[in-house]
């Protein structure tokens, strides 16, 4: 019996125009667990990640990040809680072009008022980019930029990392490298991972849910 889930959702319902994407969706992710969410483009994976991250408001249902219920929080409260508890990795890296790779990793700490340059440096080293720490994103390859994004997501020591097609823009070799680094860093930092992807080969061997008709079924 799990006392506190890293991520828990109950009864999520979401409609877009006349289309009902989710109805009564439930989800539980244990601390330190890894789960893939599989589904083709348009199946609702990105919407689900955005709902679980508090980026989209919940029309109905309940959501917990760790022991804290966040279902009916203000945008300001959500942003503060998300900053400390949820790491996000998207298909696009969303790095700040005017900052170096190292500074981009440090951004969550600067926003929180608790910058830890040494932790940022260790993470940059851990993703194999120590020699590129002071380069700006436009001088890095696509795979290198996404590795910086992974390091940034793990910087705050989140309870859970939500990754939406994090390797969708990469070739196969870089995709596997980024996926492996994400899972290794999450394990080292005690974070659970929910990885949404259409690429079944990428997550072969991982426990998975399949998104079908607005519900998660064991895949």
Protein backbone atom coordinates (compact mmCIF):
# COMPACT_ATOMS: atom_id res chain seq x y z
CA UNK A 1 0.00 0.00 0.00
CA UNK A 2 1.47 3.35 -1.07
CA UNK A 3 0.96 6.13 1.49
CA UNK A 4 1.87 9.02 -0.80
CA UNK A 5 1.93 8.79 -4.59
CA UNK A 6 4.42 10.84 -6.59
CA UNK A 7 1.52 11.70 -8.90
CA UNK A 8 -2.14 10.86 -8.55
CA UNK A 9 -5.22 11.85 -10.55
CA UNK A 10 -8.84 10.92 -9.95
CA UNK A 11 -11.76 11.37 -12.30
CA UNK A 12 -10.11 13.68 -14.83
CA UNK A 13 -12.57 14.82 -17.48
CA UNK A 14 -11.64 17.14 -20.32
CA UNK A 15 -13.53 18.25 -23.40
CA UNK A 16 -12.24 20.20 -26.37
CA UNK A 17 -15.05 21.81 -28.37
CA UNK A 18 -17.48 18.91 -28.86
CA UNK A 19 -14.80 16.24 -28.43
CA UNK A 20 -14.48 14.50 -25.08
CA UNK A 21 -10.81 13.59 -24.69
CA UNK A 22 -10.98 12.16 -21.17
CA UNK A 23 -13.85 11.01 -18.99
CA UNK A 24 -13.18 9.88 -15.45
CA UNK A 25 -9.50 9.14 -16.04
CA UNK A 26 -7.57 7.81 -13.03
CA UNK A 27 -3.79 7.57 -12.66
CA UNK A 28 -1.37 6.65 -9.88
CA UNK A 29 2.42 6.80 -10.12
CA UNK A 30 4.54 5.53 -7.25
CA UNK A 31 7.60 7.42 -6.00
CA UNK A 32 10.56 6.55 -8.20
CA UNK A 33 8.43 4.65 -10.73
CA UNK A 34 8.75 4.97 -14.50
CA UNK A 35 5.76 4.69 -16.85
CA UNK A 36 5.36 5.34 -20.53
CA UNK A 37 2.09 6.62 -21.98
CA UNK A 38 1.69 5.36 -25.54
CA UNK A 39 -0.59 6.65 -28.23
CA UNK A 40 -0.54 8.02 -31.77
CA UNK A 41 -0.45 11.72 -32.56
CA UNK A 42 -3.81 13.26 -31.70
CA UNK A 43 -4.68 10.71 -29.03
CA UNK A 44 -4.48 13.30 -26.23
CA UNK A 45 -1.03 12.62 -24.77
CA UNK A 46 0.03 16.27 -24.76
CA UNK A 47 -3.29 17.36 -23.27
CA UNK A 48 -2.92 14.75 -20.54
CA UNK A 49 0.61 15.92 -19.68
CA UNK A 50 -0.55 19.54 -19.58
CA UNK A 51 -3.43 18.62 -17.26
CA UNK A 52 -1.16 16.64 -14.95
CA UNK A 53 1.35 19.51 -14.93
CA UNK A 54 -1.31 22.07 -14.05
CA UNK A 55 -0.68 23.96 -17.29
CA UNK A 56 -4.28 23.40 -18.36
CA UNK A 57 -6.98 23.98 -15.73
CA UNK A 58 -8.87 20.91 -14.53
CA UNK A 59 -12.56 21.19 -15.44
CA UNK A 60 -13.28 18.29 -13.08
CA UNK A 61 -11.43 15.67 -11.11
CA UNK A 62 -8.65 15.84 -8.52
CA UNK A 63 -4.86 15.99 -8.81
CA UNK A 64 -2.04 15.46 -6.31
CA UNK A 65 1.67 16.12 -6.59
CA UNK A 66 3.07 14.07 -3.75
CA UNK A 67 0.99 14.67 -0.64
CA UNK A 68 -0.31 18.04 -1.86
CA UNK A 69 -3.63 18.28 -3.66
CA UNK A 70 -3.39 20.93 -6.37
CA UNK A 71 -6.81 20.60 -7.99
CA UNK A 72 -8.22 23.96 -6.98
CA UNK A 73 -5.15 26.13 -6.59
CA UNK A 74 -4.65 29.59 -8.02
CA UNK A 75 -2.28 29.99 -10.97
CA UNK A 76 0.26 31.61 -8.65
CA UNK A 77 0.10 28.71 -6.17
CA UNK A 78 0.33 26.16 -8.99
CA UNK A 79 3.39 27.84 -10.45
CA UNK A 80 5.14 27.84 -7.06
CA UNK A 81 4.30 24.20 -6.32
CA UNK A 82 5.14 23.05 -9.85
CA UNK A 83 8.53 24.77 -9.67
CA UNK A 84 9.53 22.62 -6.70
CA UNK A 85 7.67 19.36 -7.37
CA UNK A 86 7.36 18.79 -11.13
CA UNK A 87 10.06 18.63 -13.80
CA UNK A 88 8.95 19.17 -17.40
CA UNK A 89 10.58 18.08 -20.65
CA UNK A 90 8.91 18.77 -23.99
CA UNK A 91 9.66 17.97 -27.63
CA UNK A 92 11.00 21.52 -27.98
CA UNK A 93 13.74 22.35 -25.49
CA UNK A 94 12.47 25.86 -24.58
CA UNK A 95 15.95 27.01 -23.61
CA UNK A 96 16.62 30.73 -23.31
CA UNK A 97 18.85 31.75 -26.21
CA UNK A 98 20.53 34.59 -24.34
CA UNK A 99 21.77 32.26 -21.56
CA UNK A 100 24.50 29.63 -21.62
CA UNK A 101 23.75 25.94 -21.16
CA UNK A 102 24.82 26.15 -17.51
CA UNK A 103 22.69 29.25 -16.88
CA UNK A 104 19.67 27.56 -18.46
CA UNK A 105 19.98 24.66 -16.03
CA UNK A 106 20.18 27.17 -13.18
CA UNK A 107 16.99 29.05 -14.22
CA UNK A 108 14.61 27.17 -11.85
CA UNK A 109 16.87 28.01 -8.92
CA UNK A 110 17.09 31.66 -9.92
CA UNK A 111 13.30 31.91 -10.19
CA UNK A 112 12.92 30.29 -6.76
CA UNK A 113 15.54 32.60 -5.26
CA UNK A 114 17.73 29.61 -4.36
CA UNK A 115 20.37 29.34 -7.10
CA UNK A 116 22.86 26.51 -6.63
CA UNK A 117 25.54 26.87 -9.33
CA UNK A 118 27.37 23.78 -8.09
CA UNK A 119 24.29 21.59 -8.58
CA UNK A 120 23.79 23.02 -12.07
CA UNK A 121 27.43 22.31 -12.89
CA UNK A 122 27.13 18.71 -11.67
CA UNK A 123 24.04 18.15 -13.79
CA UNK A 124 25.71 19.60 -16.88
CA UNK A 125 28.61 17.23 -16.29
CA UNK A 126 26.20 14.34 -15.74
CA UNK A 127 24.56 14.82 -19.15
CA UNK A 128 28.00 14.89 -20.78
CA UNK A 129 28.16 18.59 -21.60
CA UNK A 130 30.84 19.91 -19.24
CA UNK A 131 32.81 21.13 -22.25
CA UNK A 132 29.77 23.03 -23.56
CA UNK A 133 28.61 24.59 -20.28
CA UNK A 134 29.32 28.15 -21.41
CA UNK A 135 27.92 27.82 -24.92
CA UNK A 136 24.58 29.27 -25.92
CA UNK A 137 21.81 27.00 -27.23
CA UNK A 138 22.17 28.10 -30.86
CA UNK A 139 25.71 26.63 -30.90
CA UNK A 140 24.55 23.21 -29.66
CA UNK A 141 23.11 20.31 -31.62
CA UNK A 142 19.50 19.24 -31.18
CA UNK A 143 20.50 16.32 -28.99
CA UNK A 144 22.72 18.52 -26.84
CA UNK A 145 19.96 21.09 -26.35
CA UNK A 146 17.57 18.38 -25.22
CA UNK A 147 20.14 17.05 -22.76
CA UNK A 148 20.36 20.55 -21.26
CA UNK A 149 16.55 20.53 -20.98
CA UNK A 150 16.70 17.21 -19.11
CA UNK A 151 19.30 18.61 -16.69
CA UNK A 152 17.13 21.69 -16.11
CA UNK A 153 14.07 19.52 -15.38
CA UNK A 154 15.98 17.60 -12.69
CA UNK A 155 17.61 20.67 -11.12
CA UNK A 156 14.87 21.32 -8.49
CA UNK A 157 14.86 17.65 -7.34
CA UNK A 158 11.22 17.19 -8.41
CA UNK A 159 8.95 14.42 -7.16
CA UNK A 160 7.95 13.60 -10.73
CA UNK A 161 9.16 14.39 -14.24
CA UNK A 162 6.52 14.73 -16.97
CA UNK A 163 8.02 14.27 -20.42
CA UNK A 164 5.93 14.89 -23.55
CA UNK A 165 7.56 13.43 -26.69
CA UNK A 166 10.99 14.49 -25.33
CA UNK A 167 12.80 12.79 -28.20
CA UNK A 168 10.31 13.48 -30.98
CA UNK A 169 12.63 15.83 -32.89
CA UNK A 170 15.77 13.68 -32.57
CA UNK A 171 17.32 10.89 -34.62
CA UNK A 172 17.25 7.37 -33.19
CA UNK A 173 20.71 7.46 -31.60
CA UNK A 174 20.15 10.81 -29.88
CA UNK A 175 16.62 9.80 -28.88
CA UNK A 176 17.89 6.77 -26.99
CA UNK A 177 20.69 8.78 -25.39
CA UNK A 178 18.29 11.45 -24.13
CA UNK A 179 15.76 8.88 -22.90
CA UNK A 180 18.44 6.90 -21.06
CA UNK A 181 19.86 10.04 -19.44
CA UNK A 182 16.39 11.13 -18.34
CA UNK A 183 15.68 7.81 -16.66
CA UNK A 184 19.15 7.56 -15.09
CA UNK A 185 19.04 11.09 -13.68
CA UNK A 186 15.50 10.62 -12.40
CA UNK A 187 16.53 7.45 -10.59
CA UNK A 188 19.58 9.15 -9.08
CA UNK A 189 17.39 12.01 -7.84
CA UNK A 190 14.49 9.85 -6.64
CA UNK A 191 12.00 11.22 -9.16
CA UNK A 192 9.18 9.30 -10.81
CA UNK A 193 8.85 9.65 -14.60
CA UNK A 194 5.81 9.73 -16.86
CA UNK A 195 7.02 9.65 -20.47
CA UNK A 196 4.43 10.24 -23.21
CA UNK A 197 5.46 9.10 -26.68
CA UNK A 198 4.19 7.64 -29.93
CA UNK A 199 7.49 5.75 -30.32
CA UNK A 200 6.92 2.27 -28.90
CA UNK A 201 10.44 1.10 -29.79
CA UNK A 202 11.93 3.89 -27.67
CA UNK A 203 10.27 2.67 -24.47
CA UNK A 204 10.38 -1.06 -25.17
CA UNK A 205 10.70 -2.94 -21.90
CA UNK A 206 9.28 -0.12 -19.76
CA UNK A 207 5.95 -0.45 -17.95
CA UNK A 208 3.41 1.36 -20.08
CA UNK A 209 -0.13 2.60 -20.30
CA UNK A 210 -1.86 2.98 -23.63
CA UNK A 211 -4.18 5.93 -24.14
CA UNK A 212 -7.34 4.53 -25.74
CA UNK A 213 -10.70 6.28 -26.01
CA UNK A 214 -9.81 8.71 -23.25
CA UNK A 215 -8.70 6.07 -20.76
CA UNK A 216 -5.38 4.57 -19.71
CA UNK A 217 -5.12 0.82 -20.18
CA UNK A 218 -2.14 -1.38 -19.43
CA UNK A 219 -0.03 -1.55 -22.57
